[in-house]
Structure formats: structure tokens, C-alpha cells
Protein backbone atom coordinates (compact mmCIF):
# COMPACT_ATOMS: atom_id res chain seq x y z
CA MET A 1 -70.66 -62.28 4.39
CA GLU A 2 -67.39 -61.71 2.73
CA ILE A 3 -66.25 -58.00 2.25
CA LYS A 4 -65.09 -57.52 -1.42
CA ARG A 5 -66.14 -54.07 -2.64
CA VAL A 6 -65.53 -50.98 -0.21
CA GLY A 7 -66.37 -47.39 -0.58
CA VAL A 8 -64.85 -44.34 1.11
CA VAL A 9 -66.66 -41.31 1.64
CA GLY A 10 -64.10 -38.53 2.15
CA LEU A 11 -60.92 -38.61 0.20
CA GLY A 12 -58.87 -36.02 1.89
CA LYS A 13 -55.57 -36.52 3.82
CA MET A 14 -56.89 -39.72 5.73
CA GLY A 15 -59.58 -41.20 3.39
CA GLY A 16 -57.27 -40.72 0.20
CA PRO A 17 -54.54 -43.19 1.60
CA LEU A 18 -57.11 -45.35 2.82
CA ALA A 19 -58.69 -45.77 -0.57
CA ARG A 20 -55.15 -46.63 -2.04
CA HIS A 21 -54.42 -49.15 0.34
CA LEU A 22 -57.69 -50.88 0.10
CA ALA A 23 -57.07 -51.00 -3.76
CA ALA A 24 -53.65 -52.10 -3.24
CA GLY A 25 -54.96 -54.83 -0.94
CA GLY A 26 -57.25 -56.37 -3.90
CA PHE A 27 -60.63 -54.92 -2.83
CA GLU A 28 -62.81 -53.19 -5.56
CA VAL A 29 -62.77 -49.58 -4.30
CA SER A 30 -65.26 -46.53 -4.96
CA GLY A 31 -64.80 -43.19 -3.63
CA HIS A 32 -66.75 -39.91 -3.39
CA ASP A 33 -65.69 -36.57 -2.25
CA VAL A 34 -67.33 -33.07 -2.45
CA ARG A 35 -64.11 -32.05 -4.26
CA ALA A 36 -63.47 -33.15 -7.82
CA GLU A 37 -59.59 -32.64 -7.23
CA ALA A 38 -59.70 -35.33 -4.21
CA ARG A 39 -61.64 -37.82 -6.51
CA ASP A 40 -59.17 -37.26 -9.40
CA ALA A 41 -56.06 -37.71 -6.91
CA VAL A 42 -56.82 -41.41 -6.31
CA ALA A 43 -57.83 -42.37 -9.72
CA ASP A 44 -54.39 -43.64 -10.51
CA ALA A 45 -54.85 -46.12 -7.73
CA GLY A 46 -57.92 -47.72 -9.50
CA VAL A 47 -60.35 -46.02 -7.11
CA ALA A 48 -63.76 -45.56 -9.10
CA ALA A 49 -65.26 -42.29 -8.41
CA ALA A 50 -68.73 -42.35 -7.24
CA ALA A 51 -71.03 -39.47 -8.09
CA ASN A 52 -72.62 -39.44 -4.73
CA CYS A 53 -72.78 -41.39 -1.52
CA SER A 54 -75.99 -43.38 -2.74
CA GLU A 55 -74.09 -44.49 -5.98
CA LEU A 56 -71.12 -45.42 -3.71
CA ALA A 57 -73.35 -47.31 -1.39
CA GLY A 58 -75.12 -49.30 -4.22
CA ARG A 59 -71.36 -50.71 -5.44
CA SER A 60 -70.22 -51.42 -1.58
CA ASP A 61 -70.23 -54.26 0.87
CA LEU A 62 -68.57 -52.04 3.24
CA ALA A 63 -68.82 -48.03 3.17
CA ILE A 64 -66.16 -46.24 5.41
CA VAL A 65 -67.14 -42.67 6.29
CA GLY A 66 -64.48 -40.10 7.00
CA VAL A 67 -65.93 -36.52 6.91
CA GLY A 68 -65.38 -33.90 9.49
CA PHE A 69 -68.35 -32.97 11.63
CA ASP A 70 -71.24 -34.86 13.11
CA SER A 71 -73.63 -32.82 11.05
CA GLU A 72 -71.59 -34.11 7.99
CA VAL A 73 -71.73 -37.62 8.88
CA GLU A 74 -75.35 -37.18 9.25
CA ALA A 75 -75.74 -35.67 5.61
CA VAL A 76 -73.80 -38.73 4.27
CA VAL A 77 -76.16 -41.31 5.81
CA PHE A 78 -79.09 -39.86 5.59
CA GLY A 79 -79.35 -37.11 2.60
CA SER A 80 -81.38 -37.41 -0.27
CA ASP A 81 -78.51 -38.91 -2.03
CA GLY A 82 -76.76 -40.44 0.88
CA LEU A 83 -75.92 -43.79 1.66
CA LEU A 84 -79.18 -45.16 2.81
CA ALA A 85 -80.72 -44.12 -0.35
CA GLY A 86 -78.65 -46.32 -2.32
CA ALA A 87 -77.84 -49.23 0.20
CA ARG A 88 -78.38 -52.81 -0.61
CA PRO A 89 -79.24 -55.12 2.26
CA GLY A 90 -76.43 -56.26 4.41
CA LEU A 91 -74.42 -52.93 3.87
CA VAL A 92 -71.97 -52.21 6.58
CA ILE A 93 -71.52 -48.56 7.18
CA ALA A 94 -68.22 -47.77 9.26
CA ILE A 95 -67.90 -44.21 10.73
CA ALA A 96 -64.21 -43.51 10.81
CA SER A 97 -64.91 -39.83 11.50
CA THR A 98 -64.44 -38.64 15.23
CA ILE A 99 -68.11 -37.99 16.46
CA ALA A 100 -69.59 -37.86 19.70
CA PRO A 101 -70.69 -41.45 20.85
CA ALA A 102 -74.23 -40.01 21.37
CA THR A 103 -74.44 -39.09 17.90
CA MET A 104 -73.23 -42.67 16.65
CA LYS A 105 -75.95 -44.14 18.68
CA ASP A 106 -78.73 -41.86 17.18
CA ILE A 107 -77.60 -42.40 13.69
CA ALA A 108 -77.90 -46.17 14.23
CA ALA A 109 -81.11 -45.86 16.01
CA ARG A 110 -82.56 -43.60 13.07
CA ALA A 111 -81.68 -46.26 10.82
CA SER A 112 -82.82 -49.11 12.61
CA GLY A 113 -85.45 -49.97 10.14
CA ALA A 114 -82.99 -50.67 7.30
CA ASP A 115 -81.08 -53.91 6.83
CA ILE A 116 -77.74 -52.05 7.65
CA ALA A 117 -75.04 -52.63 10.15
CA PHE A 118 -73.10 -49.80 11.81
CA LEU A 119 -69.76 -49.65 13.16
CA ASP A 120 -67.63 -46.91 14.40
CA ILE A 121 -64.08 -46.99 13.58
CA PRO A 122 -62.17 -43.62 14.69
CA MET A 123 -58.53 -43.80 13.78
CA CYS A 124 -55.22 -42.73 15.84
CA ARG A 125 -51.59 -41.99 14.96
CA GLY A 126 -52.33 -39.40 12.49
CA GLU A 127 -51.76 -38.52 8.61
CA GLN A 128 -48.41 -40.11 8.16
CA ALA A 129 -49.54 -43.34 9.51
CA ALA A 130 -52.44 -43.28 7.08
CA ILE A 131 -49.98 -42.90 4.25
CA ASP A 132 -47.81 -45.70 5.74
CA GLY A 133 -50.74 -47.91 6.30
CA ASN A 134 -50.16 -48.17 10.10
CA LEU A 135 -53.18 -46.47 11.78
CA LEU A 136 -54.64 -47.66 14.90
CA ILE A 137 -58.46 -48.38 14.77
CA MET A 138 -60.60 -48.32 17.93
CA GLY A 139 -63.79 -49.98 17.07
CA GLY A 140 -67.28 -50.50 18.19
CA GLY A 141 -70.32 -52.36 17.15
CA ASP A 142 -71.39 -56.15 16.73
CA ARG A 143 -68.10 -58.16 17.01
CA ALA A 144 -69.16 -60.61 14.31
CA VAL A 145 -69.50 -57.77 11.60
CA PHE A 146 -66.50 -56.00 12.96
CA ASP A 147 -64.47 -59.21 12.27
CA THR A 148 -65.78 -59.67 8.95
CA CYS A 149 -64.43 -56.28 8.05
CA ARG A 150 -60.88 -57.08 9.50
CA PRO A 151 -59.48 -58.12 6.01
CA ALA A 152 -60.45 -54.55 4.75
CA PHE A 153 -59.15 -52.88 7.88
CA ARG A 154 -56.00 -54.41 8.04
CA THR A 155 -54.76 -52.98 4.63
CA PHE A 156 -54.39 -49.46 6.37
CA ALA A 157 -54.23 -50.31 10.05
CA GLY A 158 -51.28 -51.80 11.93
CA ALA A 159 -53.30 -52.34 15.23
CA ILE A 160 -56.92 -53.05 15.44
CA HIS A 161 -58.88 -52.98 18.53
CA HIS A 162 -62.69 -53.93 19.14
CA LEU A 163 -63.64 -51.97 22.48
CA GLY A 164 -67.36 -52.96 22.86
CA ALA A 165 -70.76 -52.17 21.72
CA LEU A 166 -71.52 -49.35 19.10
CA GLY A 167 -70.07 -46.28 20.29
CA ALA A 168 -67.23 -47.70 22.19
CA GLY A 169 -64.81 -46.80 19.41
CA GLN A 170 -65.97 -43.32 19.62
CA VAL A 171 -65.50 -43.13 23.50
CA GLY A 172 -61.97 -44.67 23.11
CA LYS A 173 -61.03 -42.08 20.54
CA MET A 174 -62.37 -39.52 22.72
CA VAL A 175 -60.18 -40.59 25.68
CA ASN A 176 -57.20 -40.85 23.28
CA ASN A 177 -57.72 -37.34 22.28
CA LEU A 178 -58.10 -35.81 25.87
CA VAL A 179 -54.72 -37.63 26.85
CA LEU A 180 -53.22 -36.57 23.42
CA TRP A 181 -53.80 -32.72 23.89
CA ALA A 182 -53.02 -32.76 27.52
CA CYS A 183 -49.45 -34.17 26.74
CA ILE A 184 -49.09 -31.61 23.98
CA SER A 185 -50.21 -28.71 26.30
CA ALA A 186 -48.03 -30.05 29.12
CA ASN A 187 -44.94 -30.27 26.69
CA VAL A 188 -45.65 -26.62 25.19
CA GLU A 189 -45.86 -25.29 28.51
CA GLY A 190 -43.01 -26.85 30.32
CA MET A 191 -40.77 -25.88 27.33
CA ARG A 192 -41.89 -22.24 27.64
CA LEU A 193 -41.04 -22.35 31.21
CA ALA A 194 -37.49 -23.86 30.59
CA GLU A 195 -36.91 -21.10 27.97
CA ASP A 196 -37.80 -18.40 30.30
CA LEU A 197 -35.41 -20.00 32.95
CA GLY A 198 -32.82 -19.93 30.14
CA VAL A 199 -32.35 -23.61 29.43
CA GLU A 200 -32.19 -24.86 25.86
CA THR A 201 -34.96 -26.61 24.89
CA GLY A 202 -33.16 -29.00 22.49
CA PRO A 203 -30.84 -30.78 25.11
CA LEU A 204 -33.83 -30.54 27.59
CA ARG A 205 -36.07 -32.48 24.95
CA ASP A 206 -33.45 -35.19 24.44
CA ALA A 207 -33.25 -35.68 28.23
CA LEU A 208 -36.95 -35.89 28.89
CA LEU A 209 -37.23 -38.50 26.14
CA GLU A 210 -34.94 -40.49 28.43
CA SER A 211 -37.17 -39.66 31.49
CA SER A 212 -40.30 -40.45 33.13
CA ALA A 213 -41.94 -37.51 31.17
CA ARG A 214 -41.47 -39.23 27.75
CA ASN A 215 -44.63 -39.20 25.92
CA TRP A 216 -45.66 -39.65 22.10
CA ALA A 217 -46.49 -36.21 21.59
CA LEU A 218 -42.94 -35.33 22.76
CA ASP A 219 -41.25 -37.98 20.80
CA THR A 220 -43.01 -36.68 17.47
CA GLU A 221 -43.07 -33.05 18.19
CA ALA A 222 -46.88 -33.25 17.73
CA HIS A 223 -47.10 -29.67 18.68
CA LYS A 224 -45.60 -28.52 15.29
CA TRP A 225 -48.17 -30.30 13.33
CA PRO A 226 -51.50 -28.89 11.99
CA MET A 227 -54.15 -29.61 14.58
CA PRO A 228 -57.46 -28.42 13.04
CA TRP A 229 -59.60 -30.63 15.02
CA ALA A 230 -58.17 -30.17 18.33
CA GLU A 231 -60.96 -27.69 19.74
CA LYS A 232 -63.62 -30.08 18.17
CA ASP A 233 -62.23 -32.95 19.98
CA MET A 234 -62.41 -31.07 23.19
CA SER A 235 -65.66 -30.11 22.86
CA ILE A 236 -67.10 -33.50 22.17
CA VAL A 237 -65.33 -34.60 25.68
CA LEU A 238 -66.93 -31.52 27.39
CA ARG A 239 -70.50 -32.20 25.98
CA GLU A 240 -70.28 -35.95 26.83
CA ALA A 241 -68.98 -34.91 30.35
CA ASP A 242 -71.85 -32.52 30.72
CA ALA A 243 -74.43 -35.00 29.86
CA LEU A 244 -73.06 -37.31 32.45
CA ARG A 245 -72.76 -34.52 35.10
CA LEU A 246 -69.13 -35.37 35.17
CA SER A 247 -66.49 -32.71 36.30
CA LEU A 248 -63.44 -33.07 33.94
CA PRO A 249 -61.66 -29.36 34.89
CA LEU A 250 -58.25 -30.51 33.11
CA CYS A 251 -60.43 -30.90 29.85
CA GLY A 252 -61.39 -27.24 29.69
CA SER A 253 -57.81 -25.96 30.46
CA VAL A 254 -56.47 -28.16 27.95
CA ARG A 255 -58.96 -26.62 25.50
CA GLU A 256 -57.96 -23.20 26.18
CA VAL A 257 -54.22 -23.94 25.91
CA ILE A 258 -54.48 -25.69 22.63
CA LYS A 259 -56.30 -22.67 21.32
CA GLY A 260 -53.60 -20.44 22.40
CA ILE A 261 -50.99 -22.96 20.68
CA LYS A 262 -53.08 -22.94 17.25
CA ILE A 263 -53.33 -19.08 17.45
CA ASP A 264 -49.44 -18.83 17.93
CA LEU A 265 -48.96 -20.94 14.91
CA GLY A 266 -51.52 -19.08 13.03
CA GLN A 267 -54.11 -22.10 12.69
CA GLY A 268 -57.67 -21.56 12.61
CA MET A 269 -60.47 -23.64 13.73
CA PRO A 270 -62.25 -25.52 10.84
CA THR A 271 -65.72 -24.53 10.19
CA GLU A 272 -68.80 -26.94 9.17
CA ARG A 273 -69.75 -26.78 5.43
């Protein structure tokens, strides 16, 4: 099946740019968001507003879901006006949200009676990459279905990786986030140490960027960015590790360091709607 019509659920800082890139790439794009202002913000790009997820599913060959929490993804898929309520046979539902791998597999299992294909496509590189159309996709699910969707994914992603069966993309994103937040934690604590020992952090950062300590978070000064999902990301890692009876002591420490960084920056933790 050729993907011609794409729906985007969640038109915020990530989903809004995705919808724009898809429309610019020649796809017929529908969008839904609970906020009218988010729907209106992409109207000039030719993104048709859908009243609910059911309506969006009926218009789409591929529905990309980019909401915040596991429970919100489940509501988008299974709600009374959710994607399954309006889905036509053959619809591909691609979960771009960062959720637990177990949740991803459970959603697919609950919908197994429907003629629907699921992919997980969590994305890396952040908001600016979404605006630039240069995201990185970590994908999981049936490879043939995934490959069918690649032309749509290429409109907003500069790197696309299929990692394995359904849930593999979420595992990849989980590992990425653990390493990212660990780097941010190490960078912040290292600079605090330097400051307290009387070394200017600007020249030190320049030196570190040419040393073995260089990392993406240091290069981009990621510790200065809003990081609303950091604690949620770490909680997912810890839950998955607990289920496996796997000890990840660094992860627990990173979660607490990140919490402290957010407190210093005056950032709260997002709550589920």
C-alpha cells in the first residue's frame, strides 16, 4: 500500500512541525489536537483540522501519534472517538510518543483483532530538529510496513533506523535518553566543581569540546533547554529495569540530578491530563 494521506495527533512543538513537513512533502495531511490554537497554527500549511482522532483515522493511511504519556496514547487509540473507532482496514498507527516498551506491545495486543498495523517511531534530536526536518527516528515493528512509511518519515527525519520488532524503537529511545540525561548530569556537576575550584567554565567548555569528554549535550548546551520529560523518561527506564530484575544504579542517580537541575531552572514536571 502506498502512503498518501497522513494524520498527526498532537500538534505541539514536535507534531506541528511534523505536519508542516509532511504537507510540504506532498502528502495530504490531517491534524488533531485538543487545543484549538494548535490546530489553527498549522492551517496555513494546508493541514486539515480533524474534530477528533476517529475522524482523523478515517482520512488517513498513516496516523502518527505524538502525545505525552502512556495513558494519553491509550486514549488516542482506544477512546470512544479514538483512532480505532474510525480506522479503515490497513491503517498504520505509528507511535512517536516516548512510552514504555511494554505499553507499546500491550496496545498492539489489545488491537490485534483489527486490521491495523502498529509501529513505534520515537524521535531524537529535539525541537529544533523537528523545525529543521532533521529528526532521528528509532523504529520498531514489521519491516515491510515500516519501509512503506519511509517516504513520509523522510519529510521530517534526516536519519531513520529500524531496530527490530515492535517495541524496539521505544527501547532504543529509552537507552538514548538514559545516556543523554547521564551526560547532562555529568556536564552540570563537572562545571559546578570547576566553578567552586575557581576555573572559568567558558574556557573549560571550549577545551572539553576538543577532548575525550566531548558529548552532544555539552556541544549543544542541552542543560539550558527546557526538559519537561526528563523525569518521566528516567521513570520508564527504572520501571522496565525493575520488571527485568536488572540493577541500573546510575539511572536512579541521574533522575535525582536532573530533578535538581530542573528545580534550579524553575522547571516543573508535566502532569498527565
